[in-house]
Amino acid sequence: MRSIFVVAIVLLFAVPVFAETYKWVDDRGTVNFADDLGSVPKKYRKKVKVLGGDEGNAPQVTEIEEPTKGKAKGEEKKGEPKESAAAGKENKKKAIYGGKDEAAWKSDFGKLKADIKAAENQLTDTNARLNDPSKMSRSEYLTLQYTVKDIEYRLTELRKKLDALNDAAAKAGVPPEWHE
């Protein structure tokens, strides 16, 4: 009986921990992970994927291009070729809506929808386990009930976040096909 109360108290005060991990693939195809965006090499930061955590709190890196030593800004050394027209096209600015480009919007929507799908699957599995209580103890049954309530709460919060993201996208004028 005492163990039931201990389990119930632990579940009541359980707080989910959100840690962010950054994942990227290097030139050799090796998958790398870091818990700090500063640990990710600069050339891979644009391709980094954030695992876990809250997207809204994800740190953003702003890179400032410093002039090369020995040259004043705008000066070129003799013999150095000027940037070609092709290089200029690569530096063409992407369309920005609400401070984010297409990839960021798609990533935000994709992550939220994946989190919702995962929570829905977890809820379905947990409810399926609750359907046959004859093979479990009372404490396990109560634990599963608390787990269902927790998943339902998480699912509600994720859906609110998705609604808020849809509202923000609508205000920013994001094309509907980016919502998928």
N, C-alpha and C. Protein backbone atom coordinates (compact mmCIF):
# COMPACT_ATOMS: atom_id res chain seq x y z
N MET A 1 0.82 -1.19 0.00
CA MET A 1 0.00 0.00 0.00
C MET A 1 0.87 1.25 0.00
N ARG A 2 1.94 1.18 0.75
CA ARG A 2 2.83 2.33 0.84
C ARG A 2 3.51 2.60 -0.51
N SER A 3 3.82 1.52 -1.24
CA SER A 3 4.47 1.70 -2.54
C SER A 3 3.54 2.38 -3.54
N ILE A 4 2.24 2.17 -3.40
CA ILE A 4 1.29 2.82 -4.29
C ILE A 4 1.35 4.33 -4.08
N PHE A 5 1.39 4.75 -2.82
CA PHE A 5 1.47 6.18 -2.53
C PHE A 5 2.78 6.78 -3.02
N VAL A 6 3.86 6.06 -2.88
CA VAL A 6 5.16 6.55 -3.34
C VAL A 6 5.13 6.72 -4.86
N VAL A 7 4.60 5.74 -5.56
CA VAL A 7 4.51 5.82 -7.02
C VAL A 7 3.61 6.98 -7.42
N ALA A 8 2.49 7.14 -6.74
CA ALA A 8 1.56 8.22 -7.07
C ALA A 8 2.21 9.59 -6.83
N ILE A 9 2.93 9.73 -5.75
CA ILE A 9 3.60 11.00 -5.45
C ILE A 9 4.68 11.29 -6.48
N VAL A 10 5.46 10.28 -6.82
CA VAL A 10 6.51 10.47 -7.82
C VAL A 10 5.91 10.90 -9.15
N LEU A 11 4.82 10.28 -9.56
CA LEU A 11 4.19 10.64 -10.82
C LEU A 11 3.55 12.02 -10.77
N LEU A 12 3.02 12.40 -9.63
CA LEU A 12 2.42 13.73 -9.52
C LEU A 12 3.44 14.84 -9.67
N PHE A 13 4.61 14.62 -9.14
CA PHE A 13 5.63 15.67 -9.16
C PHE A 13 6.67 15.48 -10.24
N ALA A 14 6.43 14.53 -11.12
CA ALA A 14 7.37 14.31 -12.23
C ALA A 14 7.24 15.48 -13.20
N VAL A 15 8.35 16.07 -13.52
CA VAL A 15 8.38 17.20 -14.45
C VAL A 15 9.23 16.79 -15.64
N PRO A 16 8.70 16.92 -16.84
CA PRO A 16 9.50 16.54 -18.00
C PRO A 16 10.68 17.51 -18.16
N VAL A 17 11.82 16.95 -18.49
CA VAL A 17 13.02 17.75 -18.69
C VAL A 17 13.26 17.86 -20.19
N PHE A 18 13.43 19.10 -20.65
CA PHE A 18 13.65 19.32 -22.07
C PHE A 18 15.10 19.76 -22.27
N ALA A 19 15.87 18.90 -22.87
CA ALA A 19 17.25 19.22 -23.19
C ALA A 19 17.38 19.26 -24.71
N GLU A 20 18.19 20.18 -25.17
CA GLU A 20 18.39 20.28 -26.60
C GLU A 20 19.70 19.62 -26.99
N THR A 21 19.63 18.85 -28.03
CA THR A 21 20.82 18.21 -28.59
C THR A 21 20.87 18.59 -30.06
N TYR A 22 22.05 18.89 -30.53
CA TYR A 22 22.22 19.30 -31.91
C TYR A 22 22.87 18.17 -32.69
N LYS A 23 22.29 17.84 -33.84
CA LYS A 23 22.75 16.72 -34.66
C LYS A 23 23.13 17.26 -36.04
N TRP A 24 24.28 16.80 -36.56
CA TRP A 24 24.68 17.17 -37.91
C TRP A 24 25.52 16.05 -38.50
N VAL A 25 25.60 16.04 -39.82
CA VAL A 25 26.39 15.03 -40.54
C VAL A 25 27.56 15.77 -41.19
N ASP A 26 28.78 15.26 -40.96
CA ASP A 26 29.95 15.93 -41.53
C ASP A 26 30.22 15.44 -42.96
N ASP A 27 31.31 15.94 -43.56
CA ASP A 27 31.65 15.61 -44.95
C ASP A 27 31.86 14.12 -45.17
N ARG A 28 32.30 13.41 -44.15
CA ARG A 28 32.56 11.97 -44.27
C ARG A 28 31.31 11.12 -44.06
N GLY A 29 30.19 11.78 -43.70
CA GLY A 29 28.95 11.05 -43.47
C GLY A 29 28.78 10.61 -42.03
N THR A 30 29.65 11.07 -41.13
CA THR A 30 29.56 10.72 -39.74
C THR A 30 28.50 11.59 -39.06
N VAL A 31 27.62 10.95 -38.31
CA VAL A 31 26.61 11.68 -37.56
C VAL A 31 27.23 12.13 -36.25
N ASN A 32 27.12 13.43 -35.96
CA ASN A 32 27.70 14.01 -34.75
C ASN A 32 26.61 14.64 -33.90
N PHE A 33 26.86 14.69 -32.59
CA PHE A 33 25.91 15.29 -31.66
C PHE A 33 26.66 16.25 -30.74
N ALA A 34 25.97 17.31 -30.31
CA ALA A 34 26.53 18.24 -29.34
C ALA A 34 25.38 18.81 -28.53
N ASP A 35 25.68 19.20 -27.28
CA ASP A 35 24.63 19.80 -26.47
C ASP A 35 24.74 21.32 -26.45
N ASP A 36 25.69 21.86 -27.19
CA ASP A 36 25.90 23.30 -27.28
C ASP A 36 26.09 23.67 -28.74
N LEU A 37 25.32 24.66 -29.22
CA LEU A 37 25.42 25.06 -30.62
C LEU A 37 26.80 25.61 -30.94
N GLY A 38 27.48 26.16 -29.96
CA GLY A 38 28.83 26.67 -30.17
C GLY A 38 29.84 25.56 -30.46
N SER A 39 29.49 24.32 -30.10
CA SER A 39 30.38 23.18 -30.35
C SER A 39 30.26 22.66 -31.78
N VAL A 40 29.23 23.10 -32.49
CA VAL A 40 29.01 22.66 -33.87
C VAL A 40 29.90 23.51 -34.78
N PRO A 41 30.73 22.88 -35.64
CA PRO A 41 31.56 23.66 -36.56
C PRO A 41 30.70 24.59 -37.42
N LYS A 42 31.22 25.78 -37.69
CA LYS A 42 30.46 26.82 -38.40
C LYS A 42 29.89 26.33 -39.72
N LYS A 43 30.65 25.53 -40.47
CA LYS A 43 30.18 25.13 -41.79
C LYS A 43 29.00 24.16 -41.73
N TYR A 44 28.69 23.59 -40.55
CA TYR A 44 27.57 22.67 -40.42
C TYR A 44 26.38 23.29 -39.68
N ARG A 45 26.50 24.51 -39.19
CA ARG A 45 25.44 25.10 -38.37
C ARG A 45 24.15 25.30 -39.13
N LYS A 46 24.23 25.55 -40.43
CA LYS A 46 23.00 25.75 -41.20
C LYS A 46 22.25 24.44 -41.39
N LYS A 47 22.96 23.31 -41.29
CA LYS A 47 22.34 22.01 -41.52
C LYS A 47 22.03 21.27 -40.22
N VAL A 48 22.28 21.91 -39.08
CA VAL A 48 22.08 21.25 -37.79
C VAL A 48 20.60 21.04 -37.53
N LYS A 49 20.28 19.92 -36.89
CA LYS A 49 18.90 19.62 -36.50
C LYS A 49 18.85 19.63 -34.99
N VAL A 50 17.81 20.25 -34.44
CA VAL A 50 17.65 20.33 -33.00
C VAL A 50 16.79 19.15 -32.56
N LEU A 51 17.30 18.38 -31.63
CA LEU A 51 16.58 17.22 -31.10
C LEU A 51 16.15 17.54 -29.68
N GLY A 52 14.87 17.35 -29.38
CA GLY A 52 14.38 17.59 -28.03
C GLY A 52 14.30 19.07 -27.72
N GLY A 53 13.75 19.39 -26.59
CA GLY A 53 13.67 20.77 -26.17
C GLY A 53 12.54 21.51 -26.83
N ASP A 54 12.46 22.79 -26.55
CA ASP A 54 11.41 23.64 -27.07
C ASP A 54 11.98 24.49 -28.18
N GLU A 55 11.39 24.41 -29.35
CA GLU A 55 11.90 25.15 -30.51
C GLU A 55 11.95 26.64 -30.27
N GLY A 56 10.97 27.16 -29.54
CA GLY A 56 10.92 28.59 -29.32
C GLY A 56 12.12 29.11 -28.55
N ASN A 57 12.74 28.24 -27.74
CA ASN A 57 13.89 28.66 -26.94
C ASN A 57 15.21 28.28 -27.58
N ALA A 58 15.18 27.79 -28.79
CA ALA A 58 16.41 27.37 -29.44
C ALA A 58 17.30 28.57 -29.69
N PRO A 59 18.59 28.48 -29.34
CA PRO A 59 19.48 29.61 -29.55
C PRO A 59 19.71 29.83 -31.04
N GLN A 60 19.89 31.07 -31.38
CA GLN A 60 20.17 31.40 -32.76
C GLN A 60 21.57 31.97 -32.84
N VAL A 61 22.31 31.59 -33.84
CA VAL A 61 23.67 32.06 -34.01
C VAL A 61 23.66 33.13 -35.08
N THR A 62 24.19 34.27 -34.73
CA THR A 62 24.34 35.34 -35.70
C THR A 62 25.83 35.47 -35.99
N GLU A 63 26.18 35.24 -37.24
CA GLU A 63 27.58 35.32 -37.61
C GLU A 63 27.87 36.67 -38.23
N ILE A 64 28.93 37.28 -37.77
CA ILE A 64 29.35 38.57 -38.28
C ILE A 64 30.61 38.35 -39.10
N GLU A 65 30.58 38.81 -40.32
CA GLU A 65 31.72 38.65 -41.19
C GLU A 65 32.71 39.77 -40.91
N GLU A 66 33.90 39.37 -40.48
CA GLU A 66 34.92 40.36 -40.17
C GLU A 66 35.83 40.53 -41.38
N PRO A 67 36.32 41.76 -41.59
CA PRO A 67 37.23 41.97 -42.71
C PRO A 67 38.53 41.20 -42.50
N THR A 68 39.12 40.76 -43.60
CA THR A 68 40.37 40.01 -43.55
C THR A 68 41.48 40.93 -43.06
N LYS A 69 42.37 40.38 -42.24
CA LYS A 69 43.48 41.19 -41.73
C LYS A 69 44.36 41.65 -42.88
N GLY A 70 44.86 42.86 -42.75
CA GLY A 70 45.76 43.38 -43.77
C GLY A 70 45.03 44.14 -44.86
N LYS A 71 43.71 44.06 -44.88
CA LYS A 71 42.94 44.78 -45.89
C LYS A 71 41.89 45.62 -45.19
N ALA A 72 41.67 46.77 -45.71
CA ALA A 72 40.56 47.58 -45.23
C ALA A 72 39.29 47.06 -45.88
N LYS A 73 38.17 47.34 -45.28
CA LYS A 73 36.91 46.87 -45.82
C LYS A 73 36.71 47.45 -47.22
N GLY A 74 36.37 46.60 -48.17
CA GLY A 74 36.13 47.06 -49.54
C GLY A 74 37.39 47.06 -50.40
N GLU A 75 38.56 46.92 -49.78
CA GLU A 75 39.81 46.90 -50.55
C GLU A 75 40.09 45.50 -51.06
N GLU A 76 40.75 45.40 -52.18
CA GLU A 76 41.16 44.09 -52.68
C GLU A 76 42.64 44.14 -52.98
N LYS A 77 43.30 43.01 -52.78
CA LYS A 77 44.71 42.92 -53.13
C LYS A 77 44.83 42.81 -54.63
N LYS A 78 45.97 43.24 -55.11
CA LYS A 78 46.21 43.12 -56.55
C LYS A 78 46.30 41.65 -56.91
N GLY A 79 45.72 41.29 -58.02
CA GLY A 79 45.78 39.91 -58.48
C GLY A 79 44.63 39.06 -57.96
N GLU A 80 43.86 39.56 -56.98
CA GLU A 80 42.71 38.79 -56.49
C GLU A 80 41.53 39.01 -57.41
N PRO A 81 40.90 37.94 -57.87
CA PRO A 81 39.74 38.12 -58.74
C PRO A 81 38.55 38.65 -57.94
N LYS A 82 37.73 39.44 -58.60
CA LYS A 82 36.51 39.93 -57.97
C LYS A 82 35.49 38.80 -57.98
N GLU A 83 34.48 38.94 -57.14
CA GLU A 83 33.45 37.90 -57.09
C GLU A 83 32.74 37.80 -58.43
N SER A 84 32.51 36.59 -58.84
CA SER A 84 31.84 36.37 -60.11
C SER A 84 30.33 36.55 -59.95
N ALA A 85 29.64 36.63 -61.05
CA ALA A 85 28.18 36.77 -61.01
C ALA A 85 27.54 35.53 -60.40
N ALA A 86 28.14 34.35 -60.62
CA ALA A 86 27.59 33.12 -60.07
C ALA A 86 27.66 33.15 -58.54
N ALA A 87 28.74 33.66 -57.99
CA ALA A 87 28.87 33.75 -56.55
C ALA A 87 27.84 34.72 -55.99
N GLY A 88 27.55 35.76 -56.73
CA GLY A 88 26.54 36.72 -56.30
C GLY A 88 25.17 36.09 -56.25
N LYS A 89 24.86 35.19 -57.17
CA LYS A 89 23.56 34.52 -57.17
C LYS A 89 23.41 33.60 -55.96
N GLU A 90 24.52 32.97 -55.54
CA GLU A 90 24.48 32.09 -54.39
C GLU A 90 24.17 32.87 -53.12
N ASN A 91 24.61 34.11 -53.06
CA ASN A 91 24.39 34.93 -51.88
C ASN A 91 23.04 35.63 -51.92
N LYS A 92 22.20 35.30 -52.89
CA LYS A 92 20.89 35.91 -53.03
C LYS A 92 20.08 35.62 -51.76
N LYS A 93 19.40 36.64 -51.25
CA LYS A 93 18.65 36.49 -50.02
C LYS A 93 17.39 35.67 -50.25
N LYS A 94 17.08 34.85 -49.28
CA LYS A 94 15.87 34.04 -49.35
C LYS A 94 14.71 34.86 -48.78
N ALA A 95 13.51 34.47 -49.15
CA ALA A 95 12.33 35.16 -48.64
C ALA A 95 12.19 34.90 -47.15
N ILE A 96 12.02 35.96 -46.39
CA ILE A 96 11.92 35.86 -44.94
C ILE A 96 10.51 36.30 -44.53
N TYR A 97 9.87 35.48 -43.73
CA TYR A 97 8.54 35.78 -43.21
C TYR A 97 8.62 35.74 -41.69
N GLY A 98 8.35 36.85 -41.07
CA GLY A 98 8.36 36.88 -39.61
C GLY A 98 9.72 36.54 -39.02
N GLY A 99 10.78 36.87 -39.72
CA GLY A 99 12.13 36.62 -39.22
C GLY A 99 12.66 35.22 -39.49
N LYS A 100 11.90 34.40 -40.21
CA LYS A 100 12.33 33.02 -40.50
C LYS A 100 12.22 32.77 -42.00
N ASP A 101 13.11 31.92 -42.50
CA ASP A 101 13.04 31.54 -43.91
C ASP A 101 12.19 30.28 -44.06
N GLU A 102 12.09 29.81 -45.30
CA GLU A 102 11.26 28.65 -45.60
C GLU A 102 11.66 27.43 -44.78
N ALA A 103 12.95 27.15 -44.71
CA ALA A 103 13.42 25.96 -43.99
C ALA A 103 13.04 26.02 -42.51
N ALA A 104 13.15 27.20 -41.90
CA ALA A 104 12.82 27.33 -40.48
C ALA A 104 11.33 27.10 -40.24
N TRP A 105 10.49 27.69 -41.10
CA TRP A 105 9.04 27.48 -40.95
C TRP A 105 8.69 26.01 -41.12
N LYS A 106 9.22 25.38 -42.17
CA LYS A 106 8.92 23.97 -42.40
C LYS A 106 9.41 23.10 -41.25
N SER A 107 10.58 23.44 -40.72
CA SER A 107 11.13 22.70 -39.59
C SER A 107 10.24 22.83 -38.36
N ASP A 108 9.79 24.06 -38.08
CA ASP A 108 8.93 24.28 -36.91
C ASP A 108 7.63 23.48 -37.03
N PHE A 109 6.99 23.56 -38.20
CA PHE A 109 5.74 22.82 -38.40
C PHE A 109 5.99 21.31 -38.36
N GLY A 110 7.05 20.86 -38.99
CA GLY A 110 7.37 19.43 -39.02
C GLY A 110 7.62 18.87 -37.64
N LYS A 111 8.39 19.61 -36.83
CA LYS A 111 8.70 19.14 -35.48
C LYS A 111 7.44 19.06 -34.63
N LEU A 112 6.62 20.11 -34.67
CA LEU A 112 5.39 20.08 -33.87
C LEU A 112 4.46 18.95 -34.29
N LYS A 113 4.30 18.77 -35.60
CA LYS A 113 3.42 17.70 -36.08
C LYS A 113 3.98 16.33 -35.72
N ALA A 114 5.28 16.16 -35.77
CA ALA A 114 5.89 14.88 -35.38
C ALA A 114 5.71 14.63 -33.89
N ASP A 115 5.86 15.69 -33.07
CA ASP A 115 5.66 15.54 -31.63
C ASP A 115 4.20 15.16 -31.32
N ILE A 116 3.26 15.79 -32.02
CA ILE A 116 1.84 15.47 -31.82
C ILE A 116 1.56 14.03 -32.21
N LYS A 117 2.10 13.61 -33.35
CA LYS A 117 1.90 12.23 -33.82
C LYS A 117 2.48 11.23 -32.81
N ALA A 118 3.67 11.52 -32.29
CA ALA A 118 4.30 10.63 -31.31
C ALA A 118 3.46 10.55 -30.03
N ALA A 119 2.95 11.69 -29.57
CA ALA A 119 2.13 11.70 -28.36
C ALA A 119 0.82 10.93 -28.59
N GLU A 120 0.23 11.10 -29.77
CA GLU A 120 -1.00 10.36 -30.09
C GLU A 120 -0.75 8.86 -30.10
N ASN A 121 0.37 8.44 -30.69
CA ASN A 121 0.72 7.01 -30.71
C ASN A 121 0.95 6.48 -29.30
N GLN A 122 1.64 7.28 -28.46
CA GLN A 122 1.90 6.86 -27.09
C GLN A 122 0.58 6.75 -26.31
N LEU A 123 -0.33 7.68 -26.55
CA LEU A 123 -1.63 7.63 -25.88
C LEU A 123 -2.41 6.39 -26.30
N THR A 124 -2.39 6.08 -27.59
CA THR A 124 -3.08 4.89 -28.09
C THR A 124 -2.51 3.63 -27.46
N ASP A 125 -1.18 3.53 -27.40
CA ASP A 125 -0.54 2.36 -26.81
C ASP A 125 -0.86 2.22 -25.32
N THR A 126 -0.83 3.34 -24.60
CA THR A 126 -1.11 3.30 -23.17
C THR A 126 -2.57 2.94 -22.90
N ASN A 127 -3.48 3.49 -23.69
CA ASN A 127 -4.89 3.13 -23.54
C ASN A 127 -5.12 1.66 -23.85
N ALA A 128 -4.40 1.13 -24.83
CA ALA A 128 -4.53 -0.29 -25.17
C ALA A 128 -4.08 -1.16 -23.99
N ARG A 129 -3.04 -0.73 -23.30
CA ARG A 129 -2.56 -1.48 -22.13
C ARG A 129 -3.59 -1.42 -21.00
N LEU A 130 -4.28 -0.29 -20.89
CA LEU A 130 -5.30 -0.14 -19.83
C LEU A 130 -6.53 -1.00 -20.08
N ASN A 131 -6.77 -1.40 -21.31
CA ASN A 131 -7.95 -2.19 -21.65
C ASN A 131 -7.97 -3.58 -21.03
N ASP A 132 -6.80 -4.09 -20.64
CA ASP A 132 -6.74 -5.42 -20.03
C ASP A 132 -6.08 -5.32 -18.65
N PRO A 133 -6.82 -4.87 -17.66
CA PRO A 133 -6.24 -4.70 -16.32
C PRO A 133 -6.07 -6.01 -15.55
N SER A 134 -6.56 -7.12 -16.08
CA SER A 134 -6.48 -8.39 -15.36
C SER A 134 -5.04 -8.89 -15.19
N LYS A 135 -4.14 -8.42 -16.05
CA LYS A 135 -2.76 -8.91 -16.00
C LYS A 135 -1.80 -7.94 -15.32
N MET A 136 -2.35 -6.96 -14.57
CA MET A 136 -1.46 -6.00 -13.92
C MET A 136 -1.91 -5.72 -12.50
N SER A 137 -0.98 -5.22 -11.73
CA SER A 137 -1.29 -4.88 -10.34
C SER A 137 -2.05 -3.56 -10.30
N ARG A 138 -2.62 -3.28 -9.16
CA ARG A 138 -3.37 -2.04 -9.00
C ARG A 138 -2.47 -0.82 -9.16
N SER A 139 -1.27 -0.90 -8.62
CA SER A 139 -0.34 0.24 -8.73
C SER A 139 0.06 0.48 -10.19
N GLU A 140 0.25 -0.59 -10.93
CA GLU A 140 0.58 -0.43 -12.34
C GLU A 140 -0.59 0.21 -13.09
N TYR A 141 -1.81 -0.22 -12.74
CA TYR A 141 -3.00 0.33 -13.38
C TYR A 141 -3.12 1.83 -13.08
N LEU A 142 -2.92 2.21 -11.82
CA LEU A 142 -2.99 3.63 -11.44
C LEU A 142 -1.88 4.44 -12.12
N THR A 143 -0.72 3.85 -12.23
CA THR A 143 0.39 4.52 -12.91
C THR A 143 0.05 4.78 -14.37
N LEU A 144 -0.56 3.80 -15.01
CA LEU A 144 -0.96 3.97 -16.40
C LEU A 144 -2.03 5.06 -16.54
N GLN A 145 -2.94 5.13 -15.56
CA GLN A 145 -3.95 6.18 -15.60
C GLN A 145 -3.32 7.57 -15.50
N TYR A 146 -2.35 7.72 -14.61
CA TYR A 146 -1.63 8.99 -14.49
C TYR A 146 -0.86 9.30 -15.76
N THR A 147 -0.30 8.27 -16.36
CA THR A 147 0.44 8.45 -17.61
C THR A 147 -0.48 8.93 -18.72
N VAL A 148 -1.68 8.38 -18.79
CA VAL A 148 -2.65 8.82 -19.80
C VAL A 148 -2.99 10.29 -19.61
N LYS A 149 -3.22 10.69 -18.36
CA LYS A 149 -3.53 12.10 -18.08
C LYS A 149 -2.37 13.00 -18.48
N ASP A 150 -1.16 12.57 -18.20
CA ASP A 150 0.03 13.35 -18.56
C ASP A 150 0.17 13.48 -20.08
N ILE A 151 -0.04 12.39 -20.80
CA ILE A 151 0.05 12.42 -22.26
C ILE A 151 -1.03 13.31 -22.85
N GLU A 152 -2.25 13.21 -22.29
CA GLU A 152 -3.34 14.07 -22.78
C GLU A 152 -3.03 15.54 -22.56
N TYR A 153 -2.44 15.86 -21.42
CA TYR A 153 -2.06 17.25 -21.14
C TYR A 153 -0.99 17.71 -22.14
N ARG A 154 0.03 16.88 -22.34
CA ARG A 154 1.09 17.21 -23.31
C ARG A 154 0.53 17.41 -24.70
N LEU A 155 -0.40 16.55 -25.09
CA LEU A 155 -1.03 16.63 -26.41
C LEU A 155 -1.81 17.94 -26.55
N THR A 156 -2.52 18.33 -25.51
CA THR A 156 -3.25 19.60 -25.53
C THR A 156 -2.29 20.77 -25.69
N GLU A 157 -1.18 20.75 -24.96
CA GLU A 157 -0.20 21.83 -25.05
C GLU A 157 0.45 21.88 -26.44
N LEU A 158 0.75 20.72 -27.00
CA LEU A 158 1.35 20.68 -28.34
C LEU A 158 0.38 21.23 -29.39
N ARG A 159 -0.89 20.89 -29.25
CA ARG A 159 -1.89 21.40 -30.19
C ARG A 159 -2.05 22.91 -30.06
N LYS A 160 -1.95 23.43 -28.83
CA LYS A 160 -2.00 24.89 -28.63
C LYS A 160 -0.80 25.55 -29.31
N LYS A 161 0.37 24.92 -29.18
CA LYS A 161 1.57 25.46 -29.84
C LYS A 161 1.41 25.46 -31.35
N LEU A 162 0.82 24.40 -31.89
CA LEU A 162 0.60 24.32 -33.34
C LEU A 162 -0.38 25.41 -33.78
N ASP A 163 -1.43 25.62 -33.01
CA ASP A 163 -2.38 26.69 -33.33
C ASP A 163 -1.70 28.05 -33.30
N ALA A 164 -0.86 28.27 -32.29
CA ALA A 164 -0.14 29.54 -32.18
C ALA A 164 0.82 29.72 -33.35
N LEU A 165 1.47 28.63 -33.76
CA LEU A 165 2.39 28.71 -34.89
C LEU A 165 1.62 28.99 -36.18
N ASN A 166 0.45 28.38 -36.34
CA ASN A 166 -0.39 28.66 -37.50
C ASN A 166 -0.81 30.13 -37.53
N ASP A 167 -1.17 30.66 -36.36
CA ASP A 167 -1.56 32.07 -36.27
C ASP A 167 -0.38 32.98 -36.63
N ALA A 168 0.80 32.66 -36.10
CA ALA A 168 1.99 33.46 -36.39
C ALA A 168 2.34 33.40 -37.87
N ALA A 169 2.18 32.21 -38.47
CA ALA A 169 2.47 32.05 -39.89
C ALA A 169 1.48 32.85 -40.73
N ALA A 170 0.23 32.84 -40.32
CA ALA A 170 -0.79 33.60 -41.06
C ALA A 170 -0.50 35.10 -40.98
N LYS A 171 -0.11 35.58 -39.81
CA LYS A 171 0.22 36.99 -39.64
C LYS A 171 1.45 37.38 -40.45
N ALA A 172 2.41 36.46 -40.56
CA ALA A 172 3.65 36.75 -41.28
C ALA A 172 3.48 36.58 -42.78
N GLY A 173 2.36 36.01 -43.22
CA GLY A 173 2.13 35.82 -44.65
C GLY A 173 2.85 34.62 -45.23
N VAL A 174 3.08 33.60 -44.41
CA VAL A 174 3.77 32.39 -44.84
C VAL A 174 2.88 31.63 -45.82
N PRO A 175 3.43 31.20 -46.96
CA PRO A 175 2.63 30.42 -47.92
C PRO A 175 2.10 29.14 -47.28
N PRO A 176 0.87 28.75 -47.60
CA PRO A 176 0.24 27.58 -46.99
C PRO A 176 1.02 26.27 -47.20
N GLU A 177 1.71 26.14 -48.32
CA GLU A 177 2.43 24.88 -48.56
C GLU A 177 3.59 24.67 -47.60
N TRP A 178 4.03 25.72 -46.90
CA TRP A 178 5.10 25.58 -45.91
C TRP A 178 4.57 25.01 -44.61
N HIS A 179 3.27 24.97 -44.44
CA HIS A 179 2.67 24.47 -43.21
C HIS A 179 2.68 22.95 -43.15
N GLU A 180 3.02 22.29 -44.23
CA GLU A 180 2.93 20.83 -44.29
C GLU A 180 4.12 20.15 -43.70
